[in-house]
Each structure stands twice: as structure tokens, then as C-alpha cells.
Amino acid sequence: MVFINEWLPSPYESSTAEFVELFNKSDSPVSLSNWKLAKANGKTFSLDGYSIPANGYLVLSRNETKLALKNSNEGLALYDALGRRADTSSFDGSARKGKSFSRVSYDDGPAQHFTWASPTSDANNQIAQYNSINAKAYSFSRPINDFSLGFIPLLFLLLAAAAILAALMVYCLNHATLFFFNGRDEKDR
């Protein structure tokens, strides 16, 4: 099984590149033909031509992927050759400067167990002290950038906004009419 192992969204220096590291937990090499890496905003990088050795790592730099990682409220998803979500990793809030978002455990499969740690590109993550991170839980059947209200809730939201705007316009017109006509009549008398 291939996992998102760690990623560095906010390096200390501009000379240190952002990176995403994938890990192959299986005892066989894995070809990543037709696999994709996606950001929360929907931008993707095709992993065609890449493979990961058995129990090995693949480190992808920002220069390679052209995926600029946000320093706050960011997420990544890994899609297999059939287009199924194989793994996700995301955080809310701000990234820790110079720290990578590192997987703590592989035992729970694709569950979100990540923490901020010192970057260990192409090596085992070195987690000094585990601290729980508020991670977004994405369903494997839903795209990472999917945010839709559905037709009925969207229609209700639009009708409510229209009613509020109409009431505000009636109020403003009513007060403007009273000011211009009633105020002028009293002065002319």
C-alpha cells in the first residue's frame, strides 16, 4: 500500500524546497502509472513514469510537481490507477515553519495520524512527541475539493438572500420617500 508519508508546506528558507514524500509499505515495488497527487484546490500532478521500491520512498519537490503547498488549511490526496482515493493528509490552521506534516502510524491504514516534526526526506519519520492534529476527515468516495450545497439548500439560500435584499430596499425607499416628500412639504408651508 502506498501512503502520503510527509510533506513540507512551509520551509525555513526559500532555498529549501517544499516536498511531498510517498511511502510504499509493501514488499514489492509499485508502479505509479496513472496515479495522481492532488491538492485541496483540485490541482493535480500525474505520477506517470514514477515507481517506488519495496518499503521505499519517493520524494517529489515543488519544482517537479509544480504544486505550491499552502501554509494554512491545506490538504493532499493520492489517487490510484483506477481513480480511487488511496490516501489523504490535511491540516487546519497554519503550518509550522520548517516542520513537515509527518505520518505517525501506518497501522490504521489511511486514517489521519499526522503531526508536525522535523523533515526526514527519504527516511523514516522521526516523531519526538506525538501530539494530535485536527485533521479534516475526507471520505474516500468524495473529491478533495468537493464543496456543494445541493440544489434545494442552494435554492433556499438564494431565496433567503433575495428576501432580505427586497426588505432592505423597501425600508430604504420608504424612508427616502418620507424624507424627500414629507420633509419638503413641511418647509414649504
Protein backbone atom coordinates (compact mmCIF):
# COMPACT_ATOMS: atom_id res chain seq x y z
CA MET A 1 0.00 0.00 0.00
CA VAL A 2 1.25 3.49 -0.89
CA PHE A 3 0.83 6.30 1.65
CA ILE A 4 1.45 10.02 1.82
CA ASN A 5 4.28 9.88 4.36
CA GLU A 6 5.22 13.52 4.94
CA TRP A 7 5.08 16.90 3.28
CA LEU A 8 6.75 20.24 3.90
CA PRO A 9 4.44 23.20 3.17
CA SER A 10 6.46 25.96 4.89
CA PRO A 11 10.26 25.59 4.71
CA TYR A 12 12.54 27.82 6.80
CA GLU A 13 14.39 29.23 3.81
CA SER A 14 13.40 29.83 0.21
CA SER A 15 16.37 27.67 -0.80
CA THR A 16 14.76 24.67 0.93
CA ALA A 17 12.10 23.32 -1.39
CA GLU A 18 8.64 22.21 -0.43
CA PHE A 19 8.27 18.48 -0.93
CA VAL A 20 5.82 15.59 -0.75
CA GLU A 21 7.07 12.16 0.22
CA LEU A 22 5.24 8.93 -0.59
CA PHE A 23 5.98 5.58 1.10
CA ASN A 24 5.42 2.07 -0.26
CA LYS A 25 4.65 -0.19 2.70
CA SER A 26 4.52 -3.37 0.60
CA ASP A 27 7.30 -5.88 -0.02
CA SER A 28 7.06 -5.33 -3.79
CA PRO A 29 7.87 -2.30 -5.92
CA VAL A 30 4.85 -0.26 -7.05
CA SER A 31 4.49 1.45 -10.43
CA LEU A 32 2.62 4.73 -10.13
CA SER A 33 1.38 4.82 -13.75
CA ASN A 34 -1.98 6.63 -13.89
CA TRP A 35 -1.70 7.62 -10.19
CA LYS A 36 -2.29 11.28 -9.27
CA LEU A 37 -1.39 13.55 -6.39
CA ALA A 38 -3.98 16.30 -5.78
CA LYS A 39 -4.12 19.43 -3.64
CA ALA A 40 -7.23 20.60 -1.79
CA ASN A 41 -7.86 23.18 -4.54
CA GLY A 42 -8.09 20.42 -7.17
CA LYS A 43 -4.71 20.93 -8.86
CA THR A 44 -3.13 17.59 -9.69
CA PHE A 45 0.21 16.07 -10.59
CA SER A 46 0.42 12.91 -12.67
CA LEU A 47 2.76 10.27 -11.24
CA ASP A 48 3.18 8.52 -14.62
CA GLY A 49 6.74 7.30 -15.02
CA TYR A 50 7.37 7.09 -11.28
CA SER A 51 7.68 3.98 -9.13
CA ILE A 52 8.52 3.27 -5.51
CA PRO A 53 10.78 0.40 -4.43
CA ALA A 54 9.57 -2.15 -1.87
CA ASN A 55 9.43 -0.49 1.58
CA GLY A 56 10.86 2.63 -0.06
CA TYR A 57 10.21 6.32 -0.51
CA LEU A 58 9.55 8.69 -3.38
CA VAL A 59 10.31 12.36 -2.68
CA LEU A 60 8.74 14.89 -5.04
CA SER A 61 9.93 18.51 -4.90
CA ARG A 62 7.77 21.53 -5.68
CA ASN A 63 9.94 22.13 -8.77
CA GLU A 64 8.97 18.66 -10.00
CA THR A 65 5.25 18.72 -9.24
CA LYS A 66 4.55 22.45 -9.71
CA LEU A 67 2.17 22.08 -6.74
CA ALA A 68 2.61 25.07 -4.41
CA LEU A 69 1.57 23.94 -0.93
CA LYS A 70 -0.42 26.49 1.08
CA ASN A 71 0.83 27.39 4.55
CA SER A 72 -2.64 27.15 6.06
CA ASN A 73 -5.68 24.88 5.74
CA GLU A 74 -4.09 22.60 3.14
CA GLY A 75 -4.75 19.04 2.08
CA LEU A 76 -3.35 16.40 -0.24
CA ALA A 77 -4.90 13.30 -1.72
CA LEU A 78 -3.31 10.37 -3.53
CA TYR A 79 -5.38 8.62 -6.22
CA ASP A 80 -4.54 5.14 -7.52
CA ALA A 81 -4.54 4.00 -11.16
CA LEU A 82 -8.32 3.36 -11.02
CA GLY A 83 -9.02 6.87 -9.73
CA ARG A 84 -9.82 5.74 -6.18
CA ARG A 85 -8.53 7.80 -3.31
CA ALA A 86 -5.66 5.78 -1.81
CA ASP A 87 -4.69 8.21 0.96
CA THR A 88 -5.25 11.74 2.27
CA SER A 89 -3.49 14.14 4.57
CA SER A 90 -4.73 17.58 5.62
CA PHE A 91 -4.44 20.13 8.38
CA ASP A 92 -6.46 23.10 9.62
CA GLY A 93 -4.74 26.26 10.79
CA SER A 94 -1.20 27.36 10.00
CA ALA A 95 1.72 25.15 9.04
CA ARG A 96 4.66 25.16 11.42
CA LYS A 97 7.63 26.91 9.83
CA GLY A 98 10.38 24.43 8.95
CA LYS A 99 8.35 21.40 10.08
CA SER A 100 6.92 18.69 7.87
CA PHE A 101 3.46 17.23 8.34
CA SER A 102 4.55 13.66 9.10
CA ARG A 103 2.63 10.39 9.35
CA VAL A 104 2.78 8.92 12.84
CA SER A 105 1.49 5.42 12.10
CA TYR A 106 0.66 3.12 9.18
CA ASP A 107 -1.23 0.63 11.34
CA ASP A 108 -4.62 2.26 10.88
CA GLY A 109 -4.47 2.28 7.09
CA PRO A 110 -5.49 5.59 5.55
CA ALA A 111 -6.60 7.10 8.89
CA GLN A 112 -5.31 10.59 9.63
CA HIS A 113 -2.45 10.23 12.11
CA PHE A 114 -0.07 13.10 11.36
CA THR A 115 1.92 15.57 13.43
CA TRP A 116 4.44 18.35 12.87
CA ALA A 117 8.02 17.05 13.03
CA SER A 118 11.50 17.71 11.69
CA PRO A 119 11.69 16.87 7.98
CA THR A 120 13.22 13.47 7.20
CA SER A 121 13.11 13.39 3.43
CA ASP A 122 13.67 9.85 2.07
CA ALA A 123 13.88 8.27 5.54
CA ASN A 124 11.71 7.08 8.45
CA ASN A 125 9.83 9.90 10.15
CA GLN A 126 11.36 10.91 13.47
CA ILE A 127 8.45 11.74 15.74
CA ALA A 128 9.83 13.05 19.05
CA GLN A 129 6.50 13.53 20.76
CA TYR A 130 3.12 12.70 19.28
CA ASN A 131 0.57 15.47 19.51
CA SER A 132 -2.82 15.13 17.91
CA ILE A 133 -3.55 17.37 14.95
CA ASN A 134 -7.03 18.45 13.99
CA ALA A 135 -7.23 16.86 10.56
CA LYS A 136 -10.04 17.06 8.10
CA ALA A 137 -11.65 13.69 7.54
CA TYR A 138 -12.31 13.20 3.84
CA SER A 139 -14.44 10.39 2.54
CA PHE A 140 -12.66 8.19 0.01
CA SER A 141 -15.61 8.49 -2.37
CA ARG A 142 -15.67 12.31 -2.36
CA PRO A 143 -13.23 14.53 -4.28
CA ILE A 144 -10.92 16.50 -2.01
CA ASN A 145 -12.17 19.86 -3.33
CA ASP A 146 -15.86 18.93 -3.28
CA PHE A 147 -18.00 21.56 -1.59
CA SER A 148 -21.54 21.57 -2.80
CA LEU A 149 -24.75 22.52 -1.09
CA GLY A 150 -27.05 20.60 -3.39
CA PHE A 151 -29.93 22.13 -5.32
CA ILE A 152 -32.54 22.52 -2.54
CA PRO A 153 -30.24 24.11 0.11
CA LEU A 154 -28.72 26.40 -2.54
CA LEU A 155 -32.18 27.46 -3.74
CA PHE A 156 -33.26 28.15 -0.15
CA LEU A 157 -30.10 30.20 0.47
CA LEU A 158 -30.67 32.27 -2.69
CA LEU A 159 -34.36 32.88 -1.86
CA ALA A 160 -33.48 33.95 1.70
CA ALA A 161 -30.84 36.38 0.39
CA ALA A 162 -33.32 37.80 -2.15
CA ALA A 163 -35.98 38.29 0.56
CA ILE A 164 -33.52 40.10 2.81
CA LEU A 165 -32.39 42.38 -0.03
CA ALA A 166 -36.01 43.13 -1.02
CA ALA A 167 -36.93 44.01 2.57
CA LEU A 168 -33.88 46.26 2.84
CA MET A 169 -34.77 48.05 -0.41
CA VAL A 170 -38.39 48.61 0.69
CA TYR A 171 -37.18 50.01 4.01
CA CYS A 172 -34.70 52.36 2.33
CA LEU A 173 -37.20 53.54 -0.29
CA ASN A 174 -39.86 54.11 2.35
CA HIS A 175 -37.55 56.23 4.46
CA ALA A 176 -36.20 58.12 1.45
CA THR A 177 -39.74 58.90 0.29
CA LEU A 178 -40.74 60.20 3.73
CA PHE A 179 -37.66 62.38 3.92
CA PHE A 180 -37.90 63.90 0.45
CA PHE A 181 -41.65 64.44 0.26
CA ASN A 182 -42.79 64.91 3.84
CA GLY A 183 -39.78 66.96 4.87
CA ARG A 184 -40.15 69.29 1.87
CA ASP A 185 -43.90 69.78 2.38
CA GLU A 186 -43.46 70.99 5.93
CA LYS A 187 -40.81 73.58 4.99
CA ASP A 188 -42.88 74.96 2.10
CA ARG A 189 -45.92 75.60 4.28
